Amino acid sequence: VADGEVDGASCVRADWRIGNFSAKLRGCMGRALVSSPFSATGLEDLRMMVCPEGMDTANLRQGARSRRQKDLYARLVTEGPFSGCLKLKAPASTSSALHDVQYYMKVGAKRVGPFRHNFSESTVSGCDDFGVNWLRMLEPDQSLTVSIEILLPERGLWDAGQALSREPQT
């Protein structure tokens, strides 16, 4: 977690480097990969989640794991094209810091947003369409870095009225 800047606005950036990305996804069989907890802008115990999208991952999560399903999933996460969703989870709290959080999300070099979400109403928010094959974002060591860039309230783009109104899908 470090201070940063997005389009001239101050932010706090949390990066999560997922080593051996495809192997970790294969091991989870459709369940989300979850980061270690972190804190940013007064928010505690935040977590990033990478969730596979496409095919029928719901069946994989529920235990319907035939040989064919496992093979299709393994091919998806190793050969692609792989499209996932990145989510930010904030625990339930009455903290005013959870109201009107403004942020960007990144997969590799692909940034999307800005997003605006009230975590006191729903603890999970994210983006499920980055418009890229995530496997093309892998680094030479097969790792993938995902990031959350939370705008600081007093300097956020929303306050300046410059951002698009876009509510993330949950």
N, C-alpha and C. Protein backbone atom coordinates (compact mmCIF):
# COMPACT_ATOMS: atom_id res chain seq x y z
N VAL A 1 0.86 -1.18 0.00
CA VAL A 1 0.00 0.00 0.00
C VAL A 1 0.90 1.23 0.00
N ALA A 2 0.64 2.15 -0.95
CA ALA A 2 1.48 3.34 -1.08
C ALA A 2 0.65 4.49 -1.64
N ASP A 3 1.12 5.69 -1.41
CA ASP A 3 0.48 6.87 -1.99
C ASP A 3 0.74 6.88 -3.49
N GLY A 4 -0.20 7.43 -4.24
CA GLY A 4 -0.04 7.50 -5.68
C GLY A 4 -0.87 8.64 -6.26
N GLU A 5 -1.00 8.62 -7.57
CA GLU A 5 -1.76 9.64 -8.26
C GLU A 5 -2.43 9.03 -9.48
N VAL A 6 -3.69 9.40 -9.72
CA VAL A 6 -4.43 8.95 -10.89
C VAL A 6 -5.05 10.18 -11.55
N ASP A 7 -4.67 10.44 -12.79
CA ASP A 7 -5.21 11.58 -13.53
C ASP A 7 -5.18 12.87 -12.72
N GLY A 8 -4.09 13.10 -12.01
CA GLY A 8 -3.91 14.32 -11.25
C GLY A 8 -4.52 14.31 -9.86
N ALA A 9 -5.22 13.25 -9.50
CA ALA A 9 -5.85 13.16 -8.17
C ALA A 9 -5.02 12.25 -7.26
N SER A 10 -4.89 12.63 -6.01
CA SER A 10 -4.15 11.81 -5.04
C SER A 10 -4.95 10.57 -4.70
N CYS A 11 -4.23 9.47 -4.52
CA CYS A 11 -4.89 8.21 -4.19
C CYS A 11 -3.98 7.38 -3.30
N VAL A 12 -4.53 6.31 -2.79
CA VAL A 12 -3.76 5.28 -2.11
C VAL A 12 -3.89 4.03 -2.97
N ARG A 13 -2.74 3.45 -3.34
CA ARG A 13 -2.72 2.30 -4.24
C ARG A 13 -2.32 1.05 -3.46
N ALA A 14 -3.11 0.01 -3.64
CA ALA A 14 -2.77 -1.29 -3.08
C ALA A 14 -2.54 -2.24 -4.24
N ASP A 15 -1.35 -2.82 -4.32
CA ASP A 15 -0.99 -3.77 -5.36
C ASP A 15 -0.99 -5.17 -4.77
N TRP A 16 -1.46 -6.13 -5.55
CA TRP A 16 -1.43 -7.54 -5.16
C TRP A 16 -0.79 -8.31 -6.30
N ARG A 17 0.39 -8.81 -6.06
CA ARG A 17 1.11 -9.61 -7.05
C ARG A 17 0.77 -11.06 -6.79
N ILE A 18 0.12 -11.69 -7.77
CA ILE A 18 -0.30 -13.08 -7.64
C ILE A 18 0.69 -13.94 -8.42
N GLY A 19 1.58 -14.60 -7.70
CA GLY A 19 2.59 -15.47 -8.33
C GLY A 19 1.94 -16.70 -8.92
N ASN A 20 2.49 -17.21 -10.03
CA ASN A 20 1.97 -18.41 -10.69
C ASN A 20 0.46 -18.34 -10.84
N PHE A 21 0.01 -17.27 -11.46
CA PHE A 21 -1.41 -16.95 -11.56
C PHE A 21 -2.26 -18.11 -12.07
N SER A 22 -1.91 -18.68 -13.20
CA SER A 22 -2.72 -19.76 -13.78
C SER A 22 -2.77 -20.97 -12.86
N ALA A 23 -1.65 -21.31 -12.25
CA ALA A 23 -1.62 -22.47 -11.35
C ALA A 23 -2.51 -22.23 -10.13
N LYS A 24 -2.50 -21.02 -9.60
CA LYS A 24 -3.36 -20.72 -8.45
C LYS A 24 -4.83 -20.78 -8.83
N LEU A 25 -5.19 -20.25 -9.99
CA LEU A 25 -6.58 -20.34 -10.44
C LEU A 25 -6.99 -21.80 -10.64
N ARG A 26 -6.10 -22.58 -11.22
CA ARG A 26 -6.40 -24.00 -11.45
C ARG A 26 -6.67 -24.71 -10.12
N GLY A 27 -5.88 -24.37 -9.10
CA GLY A 27 -6.05 -24.97 -7.79
C GLY A 27 -7.33 -24.57 -7.09
N CYS A 28 -7.86 -23.41 -7.41
CA CYS A 28 -9.09 -22.93 -6.76
C CYS A 28 -10.35 -23.48 -7.43
N MET A 29 -10.24 -24.00 -8.63
CA MET A 29 -11.35 -24.59 -9.36
C MET A 29 -12.62 -23.73 -9.36
N GLY A 30 -12.49 -22.47 -9.74
CA GLY A 30 -13.66 -21.61 -9.89
C GLY A 30 -13.96 -20.73 -8.69
N ARG A 31 -13.33 -21.00 -7.57
CA ARG A 31 -13.53 -20.14 -6.39
C ARG A 31 -12.62 -18.92 -6.50
N ALA A 32 -12.94 -17.89 -5.74
CA ALA A 32 -12.17 -16.64 -5.79
C ALA A 32 -10.80 -16.81 -5.13
N LEU A 33 -9.81 -16.13 -5.70
CA LEU A 33 -8.52 -15.94 -5.02
C LEU A 33 -8.70 -14.69 -4.17
N VAL A 34 -8.25 -14.74 -2.92
CA VAL A 34 -8.47 -13.63 -2.00
C VAL A 34 -7.13 -13.14 -1.46
N SER A 35 -6.92 -11.82 -1.50
CA SER A 35 -5.67 -11.22 -1.03
C SER A 35 -5.59 -11.23 0.49
N SER A 36 -4.43 -10.94 0.99
CA SER A 36 -4.26 -10.69 2.42
C SER A 36 -4.96 -9.38 2.75
N PRO A 37 -5.41 -9.19 3.99
CA PRO A 37 -6.08 -7.94 4.34
C PRO A 37 -5.12 -6.75 4.31
N PHE A 38 -5.65 -5.58 3.98
CA PHE A 38 -4.85 -4.36 3.98
C PHE A 38 -5.74 -3.20 4.41
N SER A 39 -5.14 -2.08 4.72
CA SER A 39 -5.86 -0.88 5.14
C SER A 39 -5.48 0.27 4.22
N ALA A 40 -6.45 1.14 3.94
CA ALA A 40 -6.19 2.31 3.10
C ALA A 40 -7.27 3.36 3.36
N THR A 41 -6.88 4.59 3.38
CA THR A 41 -7.76 5.76 3.54
C THR A 41 -8.76 5.61 4.69
N GLY A 42 -8.30 5.06 5.80
CA GLY A 42 -9.16 4.90 6.96
C GLY A 42 -10.02 3.65 6.94
N LEU A 43 -9.94 2.89 5.87
CA LEU A 43 -10.69 1.63 5.77
C LEU A 43 -9.78 0.49 6.22
N GLU A 44 -10.31 -0.38 7.07
CA GLU A 44 -9.54 -1.48 7.63
C GLU A 44 -10.01 -2.82 7.05
N ASP A 45 -9.10 -3.78 7.05
CA ASP A 45 -9.41 -5.17 6.69
C ASP A 45 -10.00 -5.30 5.29
N LEU A 46 -9.51 -4.48 4.35
CA LEU A 46 -9.93 -4.60 2.95
C LEU A 46 -9.28 -5.82 2.33
N ARG A 47 -9.94 -6.38 1.33
CA ARG A 47 -9.39 -7.51 0.59
C ARG A 47 -9.75 -7.36 -0.88
N MET A 48 -8.84 -7.80 -1.74
CA MET A 48 -9.13 -7.88 -3.17
C MET A 48 -9.47 -9.34 -3.46
N MET A 49 -10.38 -9.52 -4.41
CA MET A 49 -10.75 -10.87 -4.83
C MET A 49 -10.71 -10.95 -6.34
N VAL A 50 -10.09 -12.00 -6.85
CA VAL A 50 -10.08 -12.27 -8.28
C VAL A 50 -10.99 -13.48 -8.48
N CYS A 51 -12.03 -13.27 -9.28
CA CYS A 51 -13.01 -14.31 -9.52
C CYS A 51 -13.02 -14.67 -11.00
N PRO A 52 -12.94 -15.96 -11.31
CA PRO A 52 -13.04 -16.35 -12.72
C PRO A 52 -14.43 -16.09 -13.26
N GLU A 53 -14.51 -15.68 -14.49
CA GLU A 53 -15.79 -15.49 -15.17
C GLU A 53 -15.77 -16.37 -16.41
N GLY A 54 -16.91 -16.50 -17.03
CA GLY A 54 -16.97 -17.34 -18.21
C GLY A 54 -17.22 -18.77 -17.81
N MET A 55 -17.40 -19.63 -18.75
CA MET A 55 -17.85 -21.01 -18.57
C MET A 55 -18.86 -21.08 -17.43
N ASP A 56 -19.06 -22.22 -16.89
CA ASP A 56 -20.01 -22.34 -15.79
C ASP A 56 -19.24 -22.57 -14.51
N THR A 57 -18.62 -21.52 -14.00
CA THR A 57 -17.82 -21.66 -12.78
C THR A 57 -18.69 -21.90 -11.57
N ALA A 58 -19.98 -21.57 -11.64
CA ALA A 58 -20.87 -21.83 -10.50
C ALA A 58 -20.92 -23.32 -10.22
N ASN A 59 -20.97 -24.15 -11.26
CA ASN A 59 -20.99 -25.60 -11.05
C ASN A 59 -19.68 -26.07 -10.41
N LEU A 60 -18.56 -25.47 -10.80
CA LEU A 60 -17.29 -25.85 -10.19
C LEU A 60 -17.27 -25.51 -8.71
N ARG A 61 -17.77 -24.31 -8.37
CA ARG A 61 -17.79 -23.88 -6.96
C ARG A 61 -18.70 -24.76 -6.12
N GLN A 62 -19.77 -25.28 -6.73
CA GLN A 62 -20.73 -26.07 -5.98
C GLN A 62 -20.35 -27.54 -5.90
N GLY A 63 -19.26 -27.93 -6.50
CA GLY A 63 -18.79 -29.29 -6.35
C GLY A 63 -19.02 -30.19 -7.55
N ALA A 64 -19.70 -29.73 -8.58
CA ALA A 64 -19.91 -30.56 -9.77
C ALA A 64 -18.62 -30.51 -10.58
N ARG A 65 -17.71 -31.40 -10.29
CA ARG A 65 -16.38 -31.34 -10.91
C ARG A 65 -16.08 -32.61 -11.69
N SER A 66 -16.74 -32.76 -12.80
CA SER A 66 -16.44 -33.91 -13.65
C SER A 66 -15.06 -33.72 -14.27
N ARG A 67 -14.52 -34.77 -14.80
CA ARG A 67 -13.21 -34.71 -15.46
C ARG A 67 -13.24 -33.70 -16.61
N ARG A 68 -14.34 -33.71 -17.36
CA ARG A 68 -14.48 -32.79 -18.49
C ARG A 68 -14.48 -31.34 -18.01
N GLN A 69 -15.24 -31.04 -16.94
CA GLN A 69 -15.28 -29.67 -16.41
C GLN A 69 -13.90 -29.23 -15.94
N LYS A 70 -13.19 -30.11 -15.26
CA LYS A 70 -11.85 -29.78 -14.78
C LYS A 70 -10.91 -29.48 -15.95
N ASP A 71 -11.00 -30.29 -16.99
CA ASP A 71 -10.14 -30.09 -18.16
C ASP A 71 -10.47 -28.77 -18.87
N LEU A 72 -11.76 -28.47 -19.03
CA LEU A 72 -12.15 -27.20 -19.66
C LEU A 72 -11.68 -26.01 -18.85
N TYR A 73 -11.83 -26.09 -17.54
CA TYR A 73 -11.39 -25.00 -16.68
C TYR A 73 -9.87 -24.84 -16.72
N ALA A 74 -9.14 -25.94 -16.66
CA ALA A 74 -7.68 -25.88 -16.72
C ALA A 74 -7.21 -25.25 -18.03
N ARG A 75 -7.88 -25.59 -19.13
CA ARG A 75 -7.52 -25.00 -20.42
C ARG A 75 -7.82 -23.50 -20.43
N LEU A 76 -8.96 -23.10 -19.85
CA LEU A 76 -9.33 -21.69 -19.80
C LEU A 76 -8.28 -20.86 -19.05
N VAL A 77 -7.83 -21.35 -17.90
CA VAL A 77 -6.91 -20.55 -17.07
C VAL A 77 -5.45 -20.66 -17.51
N THR A 78 -5.14 -21.57 -18.43
CA THR A 78 -3.76 -21.66 -18.91
C THR A 78 -3.60 -21.17 -20.34
N GLU A 79 -4.62 -21.41 -21.19
CA GLU A 79 -4.52 -21.04 -22.60
C GLU A 79 -5.34 -19.80 -22.94
N GLY A 80 -6.42 -19.60 -22.18
CA GLY A 80 -7.27 -18.44 -22.39
C GLY A 80 -8.19 -18.60 -23.57
N PRO A 81 -8.85 -17.55 -23.98
CA PRO A 81 -8.76 -16.25 -23.33
C PRO A 81 -9.44 -16.28 -21.96
N PHE A 82 -8.80 -15.68 -20.98
CA PHE A 82 -9.31 -15.66 -19.62
C PHE A 82 -9.79 -14.26 -19.29
N SER A 83 -11.03 -14.17 -18.83
CA SER A 83 -11.60 -12.91 -18.38
C SER A 83 -12.11 -13.14 -16.97
N GLY A 84 -11.67 -12.32 -16.06
CA GLY A 84 -12.11 -12.45 -14.68
C GLY A 84 -12.70 -11.16 -14.18
N CYS A 85 -13.08 -11.17 -12.92
CA CYS A 85 -13.53 -9.93 -12.31
C CYS A 85 -12.67 -9.67 -11.08
N LEU A 86 -12.44 -8.42 -10.83
CA LEU A 86 -11.68 -7.98 -9.66
C LEU A 86 -12.67 -7.29 -8.75
N LYS A 87 -12.68 -7.71 -7.48
CA LYS A 87 -13.61 -7.15 -6.52
C LYS A 87 -12.85 -6.62 -5.31
N LEU A 88 -13.45 -5.62 -4.69
CA LEU A 88 -12.93 -5.05 -3.45
C LEU A 88 -13.96 -5.34 -2.38
N LYS A 89 -13.50 -5.91 -1.26
CA LYS A 89 -14.39 -6.24 -0.16
C LYS A 89 -13.99 -5.44 1.07
N ALA A 90 -14.97 -4.77 1.66
CA ALA A 90 -14.78 -4.04 2.91
C ALA A 90 -15.73 -4.65 3.93
N PRO A 91 -15.26 -4.96 5.12
CA PRO A 91 -16.15 -5.59 6.10
C PRO A 91 -17.27 -4.65 6.51
N ALA A 92 -18.36 -5.24 6.95
CA ALA A 92 -19.49 -4.44 7.42
C ALA A 92 -19.05 -3.57 8.59
N SER A 93 -19.41 -2.30 8.54
CA SER A 93 -19.02 -1.37 9.58
C SER A 93 -19.91 -0.14 9.49
N THR A 94 -19.97 0.59 10.57
CA THR A 94 -20.73 1.84 10.55
C THR A 94 -19.83 3.04 10.28
N SER A 95 -18.58 2.78 9.96
CA SER A 95 -17.62 3.86 9.72
C SER A 95 -18.07 4.75 8.56
N SER A 96 -17.95 6.06 8.76
CA SER A 96 -18.31 6.99 7.68
C SER A 96 -17.32 6.90 6.53
N ALA A 97 -16.13 6.29 6.77
CA ALA A 97 -15.15 6.13 5.70
C ALA A 97 -15.66 5.19 4.61
N LEU A 98 -16.66 4.35 4.93
CA LEU A 98 -17.20 3.40 3.96
C LEU A 98 -18.19 4.03 2.99
N HIS A 99 -18.64 5.23 3.29
CA HIS A 99 -19.62 5.90 2.43
C HIS A 99 -18.92 6.55 1.26
N ASP A 100 -19.48 6.36 0.06
CA ASP A 100 -19.00 7.07 -1.12
C ASP A 100 -17.51 6.92 -1.39
N VAL A 101 -17.05 5.67 -1.47
CA VAL A 101 -15.65 5.39 -1.80
C VAL A 101 -15.49 5.47 -3.31
N GLN A 102 -14.46 6.16 -3.76
CA GLN A 102 -14.19 6.37 -5.18
C GLN A 102 -12.85 5.72 -5.51
N TYR A 103 -12.83 4.89 -6.56
CA TYR A 103 -11.62 4.12 -6.83
C TYR A 103 -11.52 3.69 -8.29
N TYR A 104 -10.31 3.30 -8.67
CA TYR A 104 -10.00 2.68 -9.95
C TYR A 104 -9.52 1.27 -9.67
N MET A 105 -9.57 0.40 -10.69
CA MET A 105 -9.06 -0.96 -10.58
C MET A 105 -8.12 -1.21 -11.76
N LYS A 106 -7.10 -2.02 -11.51
CA LYS A 106 -6.14 -2.36 -12.57
C LYS A 106 -5.88 -3.86 -12.60
N VAL A 107 -5.77 -4.38 -13.82
CA VAL A 107 -5.28 -5.73 -14.06
C VAL A 107 -4.09 -5.54 -14.98
N GLY A 108 -2.89 -5.86 -14.48
CA GLY A 108 -1.70 -5.56 -15.25
C GLY A 108 -1.64 -4.06 -15.49
N ALA A 109 -1.53 -3.66 -16.75
CA ALA A 109 -1.47 -2.23 -17.09
C ALA A 109 -2.84 -1.66 -17.44
N LYS A 110 -3.89 -2.48 -17.46
CA LYS A 110 -5.23 -2.03 -17.86
C LYS A 110 -5.98 -1.46 -16.66
N ARG A 111 -6.23 -0.14 -16.69
CA ARG A 111 -6.96 0.55 -15.62
C ARG A 111 -8.39 0.80 -16.09
N VAL A 112 -9.35 0.59 -15.18
CA VAL A 112 -10.76 0.91 -15.45
C VAL A 112 -11.30 1.73 -14.30
N GLY A 113 -12.33 2.49 -14.58
CA GLY A 113 -12.94 3.34 -13.56
C GLY A 113 -12.99 4.76 -14.07
N PRO A 114 -13.31 5.68 -13.23
CA PRO A 114 -13.49 5.53 -11.79
C PRO A 114 -14.84 4.91 -11.43
N PHE A 115 -14.85 4.25 -10.28
CA PHE A 115 -16.05 3.65 -9.72
C PHE A 115 -16.40 4.41 -8.45
N ARG A 116 -17.65 4.31 -8.07
CA ARG A 116 -18.12 4.93 -6.83
C ARG A 116 -19.02 3.91 -6.15
N HIS A 117 -18.77 3.66 -4.86
CA HIS A 117 -19.57 2.66 -4.16
C HIS A 117 -19.69 3.02 -2.68
N ASN A 118 -20.85 2.69 -2.12
CA ASN A 118 -21.09 2.87 -0.70
C ASN A 118 -21.00 1.50 -0.03
N PHE A 119 -19.89 1.22 0.62
CA PHE A 119 -19.66 -0.09 1.22
C PHE A 119 -20.49 -0.33 2.47
N SER A 120 -21.14 0.70 3.00
CA SER A 120 -22.03 0.47 4.13
C SER A 120 -23.34 -0.16 3.66
N GLU A 121 -23.63 -0.07 2.35
CA GLU A 121 -24.84 -0.69 1.79
C GLU A 121 -24.56 -2.09 1.27
N SER A 122 -23.38 -2.33 0.73
CA SER A 122 -22.98 -3.63 0.21
C SER A 122 -21.48 -3.77 0.42
N THR A 123 -21.04 -4.88 0.98
CA THR A 123 -19.63 -5.02 1.36
C THR A 123 -18.70 -5.36 0.20
N VAL A 124 -19.24 -5.71 -0.97
CA VAL A 124 -18.40 -6.10 -2.11
C VAL A 124 -18.78 -5.28 -3.33
N SER A 125 -17.76 -4.80 -4.04
CA SER A 125 -17.97 -4.06 -5.27
C SER A 125 -16.83 -4.40 -6.22
N GLY A 126 -17.07 -4.31 -7.51
CA GLY A 126 -15.98 -4.61 -8.41
C GLY A 126 -16.33 -4.42 -9.86
N CYS A 127 -15.44 -4.88 -10.70
CA CYS A 127 -15.58 -4.76 -12.15
C CYS A 127 -15.41 -6.15 -12.76
N ASP A 128 -16.34 -6.53 -13.62
CA ASP A 128 -16.20 -7.84 -14.24
C ASP A 128 -16.01 -7.75 -15.75
N ASP A 129 -15.59 -6.59 -16.24
CA ASP A 129 -15.26 -6.49 -17.66
C ASP A 129 -14.10 -5.52 -17.85
N PHE A 130 -12.91 -6.07 -17.95
CA PHE A 130 -11.72 -5.25 -18.21
C PHE A 130 -11.44 -5.16 -19.71
N GLY A 131 -12.13 -5.97 -20.50
CA GLY A 131 -11.97 -5.92 -21.94
C GLY A 131 -10.64 -6.45 -22.45
N VAL A 132 -9.95 -7.27 -21.63
CA VAL A 132 -8.67 -7.84 -22.05
C VAL A 132 -8.60 -9.31 -21.62
N ASN A 133 -7.74 -10.05 -22.30
CA ASN A 133 -7.40 -11.41 -21.89
C ASN A 133 -6.37 -11.28 -20.77
N TRP A 134 -6.75 -11.63 -19.57
CA TRP A 134 -5.86 -11.45 -18.41
C TRP A 134 -4.54 -12.20 -18.58
N LEU A 135 -4.54 -13.30 -19.30
CA LEU A 135 -3.30 -14.08 -19.47
C LEU A 135 -2.27 -13.31 -20.28
N ARG A 136 -2.71 -12.35 -21.09
CA ARG A 136 -1.76 -11.50 -21.84
C ARG A 136 -1.11 -10.45 -20.94
N MET A 137 -1.62 -10.30 -19.73
CA MET A 137 -1.07 -9.34 -18.77
C MET A 137 -0.04 -9.99 -17.85
N LEU A 138 0.18 -11.29 -18.00
CA LEU A 138 1.13 -11.98 -17.15
C LEU A 138 2.55 -11.48 -17.38
N GLU A 139 3.30 -11.41 -16.31
CA GLU A 139 4.71 -11.03 -16.38
C GLU A 139 5.52 -12.27 -16.76
N PRO A 140 6.78 -12.10 -17.16
CA PRO A 140 7.59 -13.25 -17.58
C PRO A 140 7.65 -14.39 -16.56
N ASP A 141 7.52 -14.06 -15.27
CA ASP A 141 7.55 -15.11 -14.24
C ASP A 141 6.17 -15.72 -13.99
N GLN A 142 5.20 -15.44 -14.89
CA GLN A 142 3.84 -15.95 -14.82
C GLN A 142 3.01 -15.37 -13.68
N SER A 143 3.45 -14.23 -13.12
CA SER A 143 2.68 -13.56 -12.07
C SER A 143 1.79 -12.50 -12.72
N LEU A 144 0.76 -12.09 -11.97
CA LEU A 144 -0.13 -11.03 -12.41
C LEU A 144 -0.30 -10.06 -11.26
N THR A 145 -0.21 -8.77 -11.55
CA THR A 145 -0.44 -7.76 -10.52
C THR A 145 -1.77 -7.08 -10.76
N VAL A 146 -2.61 -7.08 -9.72
CA VAL A 146 -3.87 -6.35 -9.75
C VAL A 146 -3.78 -5.26 -8.70
N SER A 147 -4.49 -4.16 -8.93
CA SER A 147 -4.39 -3.01 -8.03
C SER A 147 -5.75 -2.36 -7.82
N ILE A 148 -5.86 -1.71 -6.66
CA ILE A 148 -6.98 -0.86 -6.33
C ILE A 148 -6.38 0.51 -6.03
N GLU A 149 -6.90 1.56 -6.65
CA GLU A 149 -6.44 2.92 -6.41
C GLU A 149 -7.61 3.71 -5.84
N ILE A 150 -7.58 3.94 -4.53
CA ILE A 150 -8.67 4.62 -3.84
C ILE A 150 -8.36 6.10 -3.79
N LEU A 151 -9.26 6.90 -4.37
CA LEU A 151 -9.06 8.35 -4.39
C LEU A 151 -9.25 8.91 -2.99
N LEU A 152 -8.42 9.88 -2.64
CA LEU A 152 -8.57 10.54 -1.36
C LEU A 152 -9.79 11.46 -1.44
N PRO A 153 -10.64 11.44 -0.43
CA PRO A 153 -11.92 12.17 -0.51
C PRO A 153 -11.78 13.65 -0.84
N GLU A 154 -10.84 14.34 -0.22
CA GLU A 154 -10.74 15.80 -0.43
C GLU A 154 -10.18 16.17 -1.78
N ARG A 155 -9.59 15.20 -2.50
CA ARG A 155 -8.99 15.52 -3.78
C ARG A 155 -9.50 14.62 -4.90
N GLY A 156 -10.58 13.90 -4.62
CA GLY A 156 -11.11 12.95 -5.59
C GLY A 156 -11.70 13.63 -6.81
N LEU A 157 -11.69 12.92 -7.91
CA LEU A 157 -12.26 13.43 -9.15
C LEU A 157 -13.76 13.66 -9.03
N TRP A 158 -14.41 12.88 -8.17
CA TRP A 158 -15.85 13.03 -8.03
C TRP A 158 -16.18 14.41 -7.48
N ASP A 159 -15.37 14.86 -6.53
CA ASP A 159 -15.62 16.16 -5.93
C ASP A 159 -15.44 17.28 -6.94
N ALA A 160 -14.57 17.07 -7.90
CA ALA A 160 -14.32 18.09 -8.92
C ALA A 160 -15.36 18.00 -10.04
N GLY A 161 -16.22 16.97 -9.98
CA GLY A 161 -17.26 16.82 -11.00
C GLY A 161 -16.74 16.40 -12.35
N GLN A 162 -15.56 15.80 -12.41
CA GLN A 162 -14.94 15.43 -13.68
C GLN A 162 -15.17 13.98 -14.06
N ALA A 163 -15.60 13.14 -13.10
CA ALA A 163 -15.66 11.71 -13.37
C ALA A 163 -16.98 11.31 -14.00
N LEU A 164 -16.95 10.21 -14.69
CA LEU A 164 -18.16 9.63 -15.24
C LEU A 164 -18.95 8.99 -14.11
N SER A 165 -20.24 9.00 -14.22
CA SER A 165 -21.07 8.34 -13.22
C SER A 165 -21.19 6.88 -13.63
N ARG A 166 -20.50 6.02 -12.91
CA ARG A 166 -20.50 4.60 -13.26
C ARG A 166 -20.55 3.79 -11.98
N GLU A 167 -21.61 3.07 -11.78
CA GLU A 167 -21.75 2.20 -10.61
C GLU A 167 -21.23 0.83 -11.00
N PRO A 168 -20.28 0.28 -10.26
CA PRO A 168 -19.75 -1.03 -10.61
C PRO A 168 -20.79 -2.12 -10.42
N GLN A 169 -20.59 -3.20 -11.15
CA GLN A 169 -21.48 -4.35 -11.00
C GLN A 169 -21.02 -5.15 -9.79
N THR A 170 -21.97 -5.65 -9.02
CA THR A 170 -21.61 -6.44 -7.85
C THR A 170 -22.07 -7.86 -7.98
